[in-house]
Amino acid sequence: PIAEWVKRAAEADGRFEVDYVDLKDLALPFMDEPNHPRMKQYTKQHTIEWAKRVEDADAFLLVFPEYNHSYSPAIKNALDYLALEWDRKPVGFVNWGGNSGGTRAQAALRPVVNSLGMVMTHGQIEINFPHGEVKDGVFEPNEQQQTVLQSQLDELLSLDAVLRPTRG
């Protein structure tokens, strides 16, 4: 429900062409390419398709929960499949979890996106115990969450304007 809220907000904003990726539906196997991603010599169709989607994107909002003080292996695997496709692209995080609201997962993933050359937005969204904010399968954000998400969307566009000319 949280990812759907982010998607709806980005679409309603009108400045974005949203390519919504649910990693469950993407179903990438654990890394199975024989070559290092920096070589961009992909041999598997799923990697070729994933690389095109990421290459075509200008910015990313990663929406993920915190489990056991970290992020899930699925998000790490999806990031690790590629390298240069992520470079010099802005990224924001929307996290949820228990008491921490996902901040530990965010802190753990930061060095990963930094090593891929991504540039993080300043504002991030952390949602504590989101189950009470889900009604009939729809996440109902509070005013602060809506404000921070709008700020993130604005910052993604600003960062993209700066980073786009530097991409190869």
N, C-alpha and C. Protein backbone atom coordinates (compact mmCIF):
# COMPACT_ATOMS: atom_id res chain seq x y z
N PRO A 1 0.80 -1.22 0.00
CA PRO A 1 0.00 0.00 0.00
C PRO A 1 0.85 1.29 0.00
N ILE A 2 2.02 1.25 0.65
CA ILE A 2 2.85 2.46 0.70
C ILE A 2 3.43 2.76 -0.68
N ALA A 3 3.89 1.74 -1.36
CA ALA A 3 4.43 1.95 -2.71
C ALA A 3 3.34 2.47 -3.65
N GLU A 4 2.15 1.97 -3.50
CA GLU A 4 1.03 2.45 -4.33
C GLU A 4 0.75 3.93 -4.05
N TRP A 5 0.84 4.34 -2.78
CA TRP A 5 0.65 5.76 -2.44
C TRP A 5 1.71 6.62 -3.12
N VAL A 6 2.96 6.18 -3.07
CA VAL A 6 4.05 6.93 -3.70
C VAL A 6 3.80 7.03 -5.21
N LYS A 7 3.42 5.93 -5.81
CA LYS A 7 3.13 5.91 -7.25
C LYS A 7 2.00 6.88 -7.60
N ARG A 8 0.92 6.81 -6.86
CA ARG A 8 -0.22 7.71 -7.12
C ARG A 8 0.19 9.18 -6.98
N ALA A 9 0.98 9.47 -5.95
CA ALA A 9 1.41 10.86 -5.72
C ALA A 9 2.30 11.36 -6.86
N ALA A 10 3.22 10.52 -7.32
CA ALA A 10 4.11 10.91 -8.43
C ALA A 10 3.31 11.11 -9.72
N GLU A 11 2.35 10.24 -9.97
CA GLU A 11 1.52 10.38 -11.16
C GLU A 11 0.65 11.63 -11.08
N ALA A 12 0.07 11.88 -9.91
CA ALA A 12 -0.80 13.04 -9.73
C ALA A 12 -0.02 14.35 -9.83
N ASP A 13 1.26 14.31 -9.50
CA ASP A 13 2.11 15.50 -9.57
C ASP A 13 2.14 16.05 -11.00
N GLY A 14 2.12 15.17 -11.99
CA GLY A 14 2.08 15.58 -13.38
C GLY A 14 3.42 15.84 -14.04
N ARG A 15 4.49 15.86 -13.27
CA ARG A 15 5.81 16.13 -13.85
C ARG A 15 6.60 14.85 -14.11
N PHE A 16 6.02 13.70 -13.80
CA PHE A 16 6.75 12.44 -13.87
C PHE A 16 6.05 11.45 -14.79
N GLU A 17 6.86 10.67 -15.48
CA GLU A 17 6.37 9.49 -16.19
C GLU A 17 6.82 8.32 -15.32
N VAL A 18 5.90 7.70 -14.64
CA VAL A 18 6.22 6.70 -13.62
C VAL A 18 6.35 5.31 -14.24
N ASP A 19 7.46 4.67 -13.98
CA ASP A 19 7.65 3.26 -14.31
C ASP A 19 7.72 2.52 -12.98
N TYR A 20 6.60 2.00 -12.57
CA TYR A 20 6.47 1.34 -11.26
C TYR A 20 7.01 -0.07 -11.34
N VAL A 21 7.99 -0.38 -10.51
CA VAL A 21 8.60 -1.71 -10.51
C VAL A 21 8.38 -2.36 -9.15
N ASP A 22 7.66 -3.46 -9.14
CA ASP A 22 7.52 -4.27 -7.93
C ASP A 22 8.52 -5.41 -8.09
N LEU A 23 9.49 -5.49 -7.19
CA LEU A 23 10.55 -6.50 -7.33
C LEU A 23 9.99 -7.92 -7.31
N LYS A 24 8.86 -8.11 -6.66
CA LYS A 24 8.23 -9.43 -6.67
C LYS A 24 7.82 -9.80 -8.10
N ASP A 25 7.26 -8.84 -8.82
CA ASP A 25 6.84 -9.09 -10.20
C ASP A 25 8.03 -9.14 -11.15
N LEU A 26 9.06 -8.36 -10.87
CA LEU A 26 10.26 -8.37 -11.70
C LEU A 26 10.93 -9.74 -11.65
N ALA A 27 10.92 -10.34 -10.47
CA ALA A 27 11.37 -11.72 -10.26
C ALA A 27 12.78 -12.00 -10.78
N LEU A 28 13.71 -11.11 -10.50
CA LEU A 28 15.10 -11.38 -10.87
C LEU A 28 15.63 -12.54 -10.03
N PRO A 29 16.26 -13.52 -10.65
CA PRO A 29 16.91 -14.55 -9.84
C PRO A 29 18.12 -13.93 -9.14
N PHE A 30 18.67 -14.62 -8.16
CA PHE A 30 19.90 -14.09 -7.59
C PHE A 30 20.91 -13.98 -8.71
N MET A 31 21.75 -12.98 -8.63
CA MET A 31 22.68 -12.61 -9.70
C MET A 31 23.20 -13.84 -10.44
N ASP A 32 22.93 -13.88 -11.73
CA ASP A 32 23.34 -15.04 -12.53
C ASP A 32 24.10 -14.64 -13.79
N GLU A 33 24.56 -13.41 -13.86
CA GLU A 33 25.34 -12.97 -15.01
C GLU A 33 26.80 -13.39 -14.85
N PRO A 34 27.44 -13.87 -15.92
CA PRO A 34 28.83 -14.30 -15.81
C PRO A 34 29.84 -13.15 -15.75
N ASN A 35 29.44 -11.97 -16.21
CA ASN A 35 30.36 -10.83 -16.27
C ASN A 35 30.00 -9.79 -15.21
N HIS A 36 31.01 -9.03 -14.81
CA HIS A 36 30.76 -7.95 -13.86
C HIS A 36 29.84 -6.92 -14.50
N PRO A 37 28.88 -6.38 -13.73
CA PRO A 37 27.94 -5.42 -14.30
C PRO A 37 28.59 -4.19 -14.93
N ARG A 38 29.75 -3.78 -14.46
CA ARG A 38 30.40 -2.59 -15.03
C ARG A 38 30.80 -2.81 -16.50
N MET A 39 30.89 -4.06 -16.92
CA MET A 39 31.24 -4.35 -18.31
C MET A 39 30.04 -4.18 -19.24
N LYS A 40 28.83 -4.23 -18.69
CA LYS A 40 27.59 -4.12 -19.47
C LYS A 40 27.52 -5.16 -20.59
N GLN A 41 28.06 -6.33 -20.32
CA GLN A 41 27.99 -7.44 -21.28
C GLN A 41 27.00 -8.47 -20.75
N TYR A 42 25.74 -8.10 -20.77
CA TYR A 42 24.69 -8.94 -20.20
C TYR A 42 24.34 -10.08 -21.15
N THR A 43 24.11 -11.24 -20.58
CA THR A 43 23.81 -12.43 -21.37
C THR A 43 22.39 -12.94 -21.15
N LYS A 44 21.73 -12.49 -20.12
CA LYS A 44 20.40 -12.98 -19.77
C LYS A 44 19.35 -11.94 -20.16
N GLN A 45 18.25 -12.42 -20.70
CA GLN A 45 17.19 -11.52 -21.14
C GLN A 45 16.65 -10.67 -19.99
N HIS A 46 16.50 -11.28 -18.80
CA HIS A 46 15.96 -10.50 -17.68
C HIS A 46 16.89 -9.35 -17.31
N THR A 47 18.19 -9.55 -17.45
CA THR A 47 19.14 -8.47 -17.14
C THR A 47 19.09 -7.39 -18.22
N ILE A 48 19.00 -7.79 -19.46
CA ILE A 48 18.93 -6.83 -20.57
C ILE A 48 17.70 -5.94 -20.40
N GLU A 49 16.56 -6.54 -20.07
CA GLU A 49 15.33 -5.78 -19.88
C GLU A 49 15.42 -4.87 -18.66
N TRP A 50 15.97 -5.38 -17.56
CA TRP A 50 16.13 -4.59 -16.34
C TRP A 50 17.08 -3.41 -16.60
N ALA A 51 18.18 -3.67 -17.30
CA ALA A 51 19.14 -2.61 -17.61
C ALA A 51 18.48 -1.50 -18.43
N LYS A 52 17.64 -1.86 -19.38
CA LYS A 52 16.96 -0.85 -20.20
C LYS A 52 16.04 0.01 -19.36
N ARG A 53 15.29 -0.61 -18.47
CA ARG A 53 14.37 0.15 -17.62
C ARG A 53 15.12 1.15 -16.74
N VAL A 54 16.22 0.69 -16.16
CA VAL A 54 17.01 1.56 -15.28
C VAL A 54 17.71 2.64 -16.10
N GLU A 55 18.27 2.25 -17.23
CA GLU A 55 18.94 3.22 -18.11
C GLU A 55 17.98 4.33 -18.55
N ASP A 56 16.75 3.96 -18.86
CA ASP A 56 15.76 4.92 -19.34
C ASP A 56 15.23 5.85 -18.25
N ALA A 57 15.39 5.47 -17.01
CA ALA A 57 14.88 6.27 -15.89
C ALA A 57 15.81 7.44 -15.58
N ASP A 58 15.23 8.52 -15.14
CA ASP A 58 16.01 9.71 -14.76
C ASP A 58 16.22 9.81 -13.26
N ALA A 59 15.34 9.19 -12.48
CA ALA A 59 15.42 9.28 -11.02
C ALA A 59 14.67 8.09 -10.43
N PHE A 60 14.91 7.86 -9.13
CA PHE A 60 14.32 6.70 -8.47
C PHE A 60 13.82 7.06 -7.08
N LEU A 61 12.68 6.50 -6.72
CA LEU A 61 12.21 6.49 -5.35
C LEU A 61 12.14 5.03 -4.94
N LEU A 62 12.99 4.63 -4.03
CA LEU A 62 13.01 3.25 -3.56
C LEU A 62 12.12 3.15 -2.33
N VAL A 63 11.14 2.28 -2.39
CA VAL A 63 10.16 2.12 -1.32
C VAL A 63 10.37 0.72 -0.75
N PHE A 64 10.80 0.66 0.52
CA PHE A 64 11.12 -0.65 1.08
C PHE A 64 11.00 -0.67 2.60
N PRO A 65 10.68 -1.85 3.14
CA PRO A 65 10.54 -1.99 4.59
C PRO A 65 11.89 -2.31 5.25
N GLU A 66 11.88 -2.19 6.56
CA GLU A 66 13.03 -2.62 7.34
C GLU A 66 12.71 -3.97 7.97
N TYR A 67 13.64 -4.90 7.80
CA TYR A 67 13.55 -6.20 8.46
C TYR A 67 14.87 -6.45 9.16
N ASN A 68 14.82 -6.75 10.44
CA ASN A 68 16.02 -7.10 11.20
C ASN A 68 17.14 -6.07 11.02
N HIS A 69 16.79 -4.81 11.14
CA HIS A 69 17.74 -3.69 11.08
C HIS A 69 18.34 -3.47 9.70
N SER A 70 17.73 -3.98 8.64
CA SER A 70 18.32 -3.81 7.31
C SER A 70 17.24 -3.85 6.23
N TYR A 71 17.69 -3.82 5.00
CA TYR A 71 16.82 -3.91 3.83
C TYR A 71 16.76 -5.37 3.38
N SER A 72 15.87 -5.67 2.46
CA SER A 72 15.70 -7.05 2.01
C SER A 72 16.75 -7.41 0.96
N PRO A 73 17.05 -8.70 0.84
CA PRO A 73 17.99 -9.13 -0.20
C PRO A 73 17.48 -8.83 -1.61
N ALA A 74 16.18 -8.76 -1.80
CA ALA A 74 15.64 -8.50 -3.14
C ALA A 74 16.07 -7.13 -3.67
N ILE A 75 16.07 -6.12 -2.81
CA ILE A 75 16.47 -4.79 -3.28
C ILE A 75 17.97 -4.74 -3.55
N LYS A 76 18.75 -5.40 -2.72
CA LYS A 76 20.21 -5.44 -2.94
C LYS A 76 20.51 -6.16 -4.25
N ASN A 77 19.84 -7.27 -4.49
CA ASN A 77 20.05 -8.03 -5.71
C ASN A 77 19.70 -7.19 -6.95
N ALA A 78 18.56 -6.50 -6.90
CA ALA A 78 18.15 -5.67 -8.03
C ALA A 78 19.16 -4.56 -8.31
N LEU A 79 19.71 -3.98 -7.26
CA LEU A 79 20.73 -2.95 -7.44
C LEU A 79 22.02 -3.55 -7.98
N ASP A 80 22.43 -4.69 -7.44
CA ASP A 80 23.71 -5.31 -7.81
C ASP A 80 23.75 -5.83 -9.25
N TYR A 81 22.61 -6.10 -9.83
CA TYR A 81 22.58 -6.61 -11.21
C TYR A 81 23.22 -5.64 -12.19
N LEU A 82 23.17 -4.35 -11.87
CA LEU A 82 23.63 -3.31 -12.78
C LEU A 82 24.66 -2.45 -12.09
N ALA A 83 25.31 -1.59 -12.85
CA ALA A 83 26.28 -0.67 -12.25
C ALA A 83 26.14 0.70 -12.90
N LEU A 84 26.62 0.84 -14.11
CA LEU A 84 26.67 2.14 -14.76
C LEU A 84 25.29 2.74 -15.03
N GLU A 85 24.28 1.90 -15.13
CA GLU A 85 22.93 2.38 -15.38
C GLU A 85 22.41 3.25 -14.23
N TRP A 86 22.92 3.02 -13.02
CA TRP A 86 22.49 3.79 -11.84
C TRP A 86 23.28 5.09 -11.68
N ASP A 87 24.43 5.19 -12.33
CA ASP A 87 25.38 6.27 -12.08
C ASP A 87 24.80 7.65 -12.37
N ARG A 88 25.03 8.56 -11.43
CA ARG A 88 24.64 9.97 -11.55
C ARG A 88 23.13 10.16 -11.71
N LYS A 89 22.39 9.33 -11.01
CA LYS A 89 20.94 9.48 -11.01
C LYS A 89 20.48 9.70 -9.57
N PRO A 90 19.51 10.59 -9.39
CA PRO A 90 19.01 10.86 -8.05
C PRO A 90 18.15 9.72 -7.52
N VAL A 91 18.19 9.56 -6.20
CA VAL A 91 17.41 8.52 -5.55
C VAL A 91 16.89 9.03 -4.21
N GLY A 92 15.66 8.69 -3.92
CA GLY A 92 15.06 8.98 -2.62
C GLY A 92 14.57 7.69 -2.01
N PHE A 93 14.42 7.69 -0.69
CA PHE A 93 13.95 6.51 0.04
C PHE A 93 12.63 6.80 0.72
N VAL A 94 11.75 5.83 0.68
CA VAL A 94 10.53 5.82 1.49
C VAL A 94 10.58 4.50 2.24
N ASN A 95 10.68 4.59 3.57
CA ASN A 95 10.86 3.38 4.39
C ASN A 95 9.78 3.26 5.44
N TRP A 96 9.58 2.04 5.87
CA TRP A 96 8.70 1.81 7.00
C TRP A 96 9.24 0.66 7.82
N GLY A 97 8.82 0.66 9.08
CA GLY A 97 9.24 -0.38 10.00
C GLY A 97 8.57 -0.16 11.34
N GLY A 98 9.14 -0.74 12.35
CA GLY A 98 8.60 -0.60 13.70
C GLY A 98 8.96 0.74 14.30
N ASN A 99 9.60 0.69 15.46
CA ASN A 99 9.96 1.93 16.16
C ASN A 99 10.86 2.84 15.33
N SER A 100 11.72 2.25 14.53
CA SER A 100 12.69 3.06 13.78
C SER A 100 12.10 3.67 12.52
N GLY A 101 10.95 3.19 12.08
CA GLY A 101 10.36 3.70 10.85
C GLY A 101 11.17 3.37 9.60
N GLY A 102 12.11 2.45 9.73
CA GLY A 102 12.92 2.05 8.59
C GLY A 102 14.25 2.78 8.47
N THR A 103 14.60 3.59 9.47
CA THR A 103 15.84 4.37 9.36
C THR A 103 17.08 3.50 9.32
N ARG A 104 17.05 2.35 9.99
CA ARG A 104 18.24 1.48 9.97
C ARG A 104 18.41 0.84 8.59
N ALA A 105 17.31 0.48 7.95
CA ALA A 105 17.39 -0.06 6.59
C ALA A 105 17.93 1.01 5.64
N GLN A 106 17.46 2.22 5.84
CA GLN A 106 17.93 3.34 5.02
C GLN A 106 19.42 3.56 5.22
N ALA A 107 19.86 3.55 6.47
CA ALA A 107 21.28 3.75 6.77
C ALA A 107 22.13 2.64 6.17
N ALA A 108 21.61 1.43 6.16
CA ALA A 108 22.36 0.30 5.59
C ALA A 108 22.44 0.37 4.07
N LEU A 109 21.41 0.91 3.44
CA LEU A 109 21.39 0.95 1.97
C LEU A 109 22.13 2.17 1.40
N ARG A 110 22.32 3.18 2.21
CA ARG A 110 22.99 4.40 1.73
C ARG A 110 24.36 4.13 1.09
N PRO A 111 25.26 3.38 1.75
CA PRO A 111 26.56 3.14 1.12
C PRO A 111 26.46 2.37 -0.20
N VAL A 112 25.42 1.56 -0.34
CA VAL A 112 25.24 0.80 -1.58
C VAL A 112 24.91 1.75 -2.73
N VAL A 113 23.92 2.62 -2.53
CA VAL A 113 23.56 3.54 -3.62
C VAL A 113 24.68 4.55 -3.88
N ASN A 114 25.40 4.93 -2.82
CA ASN A 114 26.55 5.82 -3.02
C ASN A 114 27.62 5.16 -3.88
N SER A 115 27.88 3.88 -3.64
CA SER A 115 28.91 3.18 -4.41
C SER A 115 28.50 3.01 -5.87
N LEU A 116 27.21 3.04 -6.13
CA LEU A 116 26.71 2.95 -7.51
C LEU A 116 26.68 4.32 -8.19
N GLY A 117 27.09 5.35 -7.47
CA GLY A 117 27.15 6.69 -8.04
C GLY A 117 25.84 7.45 -8.00
N MET A 118 24.87 6.94 -7.25
CA MET A 118 23.58 7.62 -7.15
C MET A 118 23.70 8.77 -6.15
N VAL A 119 22.86 9.77 -6.31
CA VAL A 119 22.87 10.93 -5.43
C VAL A 119 21.54 10.97 -4.68
N MET A 120 21.63 10.92 -3.35
CA MET A 120 20.43 10.84 -2.52
C MET A 120 19.79 12.20 -2.29
N THR A 121 18.47 12.18 -2.24
CA THR A 121 17.75 13.38 -1.83
C THR A 121 18.02 13.62 -0.35
N HIS A 122 17.86 14.86 0.06
CA HIS A 122 18.09 15.20 1.47
C HIS A 122 16.99 14.63 2.36
N GLY A 123 15.75 14.88 1.99
CA GLY A 123 14.62 14.41 2.79
C GLY A 123 14.27 12.97 2.47
N GLN A 124 14.03 12.19 3.50
CA GLN A 124 13.61 10.80 3.34
C GLN A 124 12.34 10.61 4.17
N ILE A 125 11.56 9.61 3.84
CA ILE A 125 10.33 9.35 4.58
C ILE A 125 10.51 8.08 5.39
N GLU A 126 10.26 8.18 6.69
CA GLU A 126 10.27 7.01 7.58
C GLU A 126 8.88 6.91 8.21
N ILE A 127 8.28 5.74 8.10
CA ILE A 127 6.92 5.53 8.59
C ILE A 127 6.96 4.47 9.68
N ASN A 128 6.54 4.86 10.89
CA ASN A 128 6.51 3.93 12.03
C ASN A 128 5.20 3.16 12.04
N PHE A 129 5.30 1.86 12.22
CA PHE A 129 4.12 1.00 12.37
C PHE A 129 2.99 1.42 11.42
N PRO A 130 3.17 1.24 10.13
CA PRO A 130 2.21 1.79 9.16
C PRO A 130 0.88 1.06 9.09
N HIS A 131 0.75 -0.07 9.75
CA HIS A 131 -0.47 -0.88 9.60
C HIS A 131 -1.72 -0.13 10.04
N GLY A 132 -1.59 0.76 11.03
CA GLY A 132 -2.74 1.54 11.47
C GLY A 132 -3.17 2.59 10.46
N GLU A 133 -2.30 2.90 9.50
CA GLU A 133 -2.62 3.91 8.49
C GLU A 133 -3.10 3.29 7.18
N VAL A 134 -3.29 1.97 7.19
CA VAL A 134 -3.79 1.28 6.00
C VAL A 134 -5.26 0.93 6.23
N LYS A 135 -6.11 1.47 5.38
CA LYS A 135 -7.55 1.23 5.47
C LYS A 135 -8.02 0.63 4.16
N ASP A 136 -8.61 -0.55 4.23
CA ASP A 136 -9.10 -1.24 3.04
C ASP A 136 -8.00 -1.39 1.98
N GLY A 137 -6.78 -1.69 2.43
CA GLY A 137 -5.66 -1.91 1.52
C GLY A 137 -5.03 -0.65 0.96
N VAL A 138 -5.45 0.52 1.44
CA VAL A 138 -4.93 1.79 0.93
C VAL A 138 -4.22 2.53 2.07
N PHE A 139 -2.98 2.93 1.83
CA PHE A 139 -2.23 3.70 2.82
C PHE A 139 -2.75 5.13 2.85
N GLU A 140 -3.06 5.62 4.05
CA GLU A 140 -3.56 6.98 4.23
C GLU A 140 -2.48 7.79 4.94
N PRO A 141 -1.67 8.52 4.19
CA PRO A 141 -0.57 9.27 4.80
C PRO A 141 -1.08 10.47 5.61
N ASN A 142 -0.27 10.84 6.59
CA ASN A 142 -0.61 12.06 7.32
C ASN A 142 -0.06 13.27 6.55
N GLU A 143 -0.35 14.45 7.04
CA GLU A 143 0.05 15.67 6.34
C GLU A 143 1.56 15.79 6.21
N GLN A 144 2.29 15.44 7.26
CA GLN A 144 3.75 15.53 7.21
C GLN A 144 4.32 14.59 6.16
N GLN A 145 3.81 13.37 6.08
CA GLN A 145 4.30 12.41 5.09
C GLN A 145 4.03 12.92 3.68
N GLN A 146 2.87 13.51 3.47
CA GLN A 146 2.55 14.07 2.15
C GLN A 146 3.49 15.22 1.80
N THR A 147 3.77 16.07 2.78
CA THR A 147 4.66 17.21 2.56
C THR A 147 6.08 16.75 2.22
N VAL A 148 6.57 15.76 2.97
CA VAL A 148 7.94 15.27 2.73
C VAL A 148 8.01 14.58 1.38
N LEU A 149 6.99 13.82 1.00
CA LEU A 149 7.00 13.18 -0.31
C LEU A 149 7.02 14.23 -1.42
N GLN A 150 6.23 15.27 -1.29
CA GLN A 150 6.23 16.33 -2.31
C GLN A 150 7.60 16.99 -2.39
N SER A 151 8.21 17.20 -1.25
CA SER A 151 9.56 17.78 -1.22
C SER A 151 10.56 16.85 -1.90
N GLN A 152 10.41 15.55 -1.67
CA GLN A 152 11.29 14.57 -2.33
C GLN A 152 11.11 14.61 -3.84
N LEU A 153 9.89 14.67 -4.29
CA LEU A 153 9.63 14.73 -5.73
C LEU A 153 10.27 15.98 -6.33
N ASP A 154 10.12 17.12 -5.65
CA ASP A 154 10.74 18.36 -6.12
C ASP A 154 12.25 18.21 -6.19
N GLU A 155 12.83 17.60 -5.16
CA GLU A 155 14.29 17.46 -5.12
C GLU A 155 14.79 16.49 -6.18
N LEU A 156 14.04 15.43 -6.46
CA LEU A 156 14.43 14.51 -7.53
C LEU A 156 14.55 15.25 -8.86
N LEU A 157 13.60 16.12 -9.14
CA LEU A 157 13.65 16.89 -10.39
C LEU A 157 14.83 17.86 -10.40
N SER A 158 15.07 18.52 -9.28
CA SER A 158 16.20 19.46 -9.20
C SER A 158 17.53 18.75 -9.38
N LEU A 159 17.68 17.61 -8.71
CA LEU A 159 18.92 16.84 -8.84
C LEU A 159 19.10 16.32 -10.26
N ASP A 160 18.01 15.87 -10.86
CA ASP A 160 18.11 15.37 -12.23
C ASP A 160 18.56 16.47 -13.19
N ALA A 161 18.07 17.68 -12.99
CA ALA A 161 18.47 18.79 -13.86
C ALA A 161 19.97 19.06 -13.77
N VAL A 162 20.54 18.85 -12.60
CA VAL A 162 21.98 19.06 -12.41
C VAL A 162 22.78 17.86 -12.92
N LEU A 163 22.30 16.66 -12.64
CA LEU A 163 23.05 15.44 -12.96
C LEU A 163 22.95 15.01 -14.42
N ARG A 164 21.83 15.26 -15.04
CA ARG A 164 21.59 14.78 -16.41
C ARG A 164 22.73 15.14 -17.38
N PRO A 165 23.20 16.40 -17.39
CA PRO A 165 24.28 16.73 -18.33
C PRO A 165 25.60 16.01 -18.05
N THR A 166 25.75 15.45 -16.86
CA THR A 166 27.01 14.78 -16.51
C THR A 166 27.00 13.29 -16.82
N ARG A 167 25.84 12.77 -17.22
CA ARG A 167 25.75 11.33 -17.52
C ARG A 167 26.37 11.04 -18.88
N GLY A 168 27.02 9.87 -18.97
CA GLY A 168 27.70 9.50 -20.22
C GLY A 168 26.84 9.00 -21.30
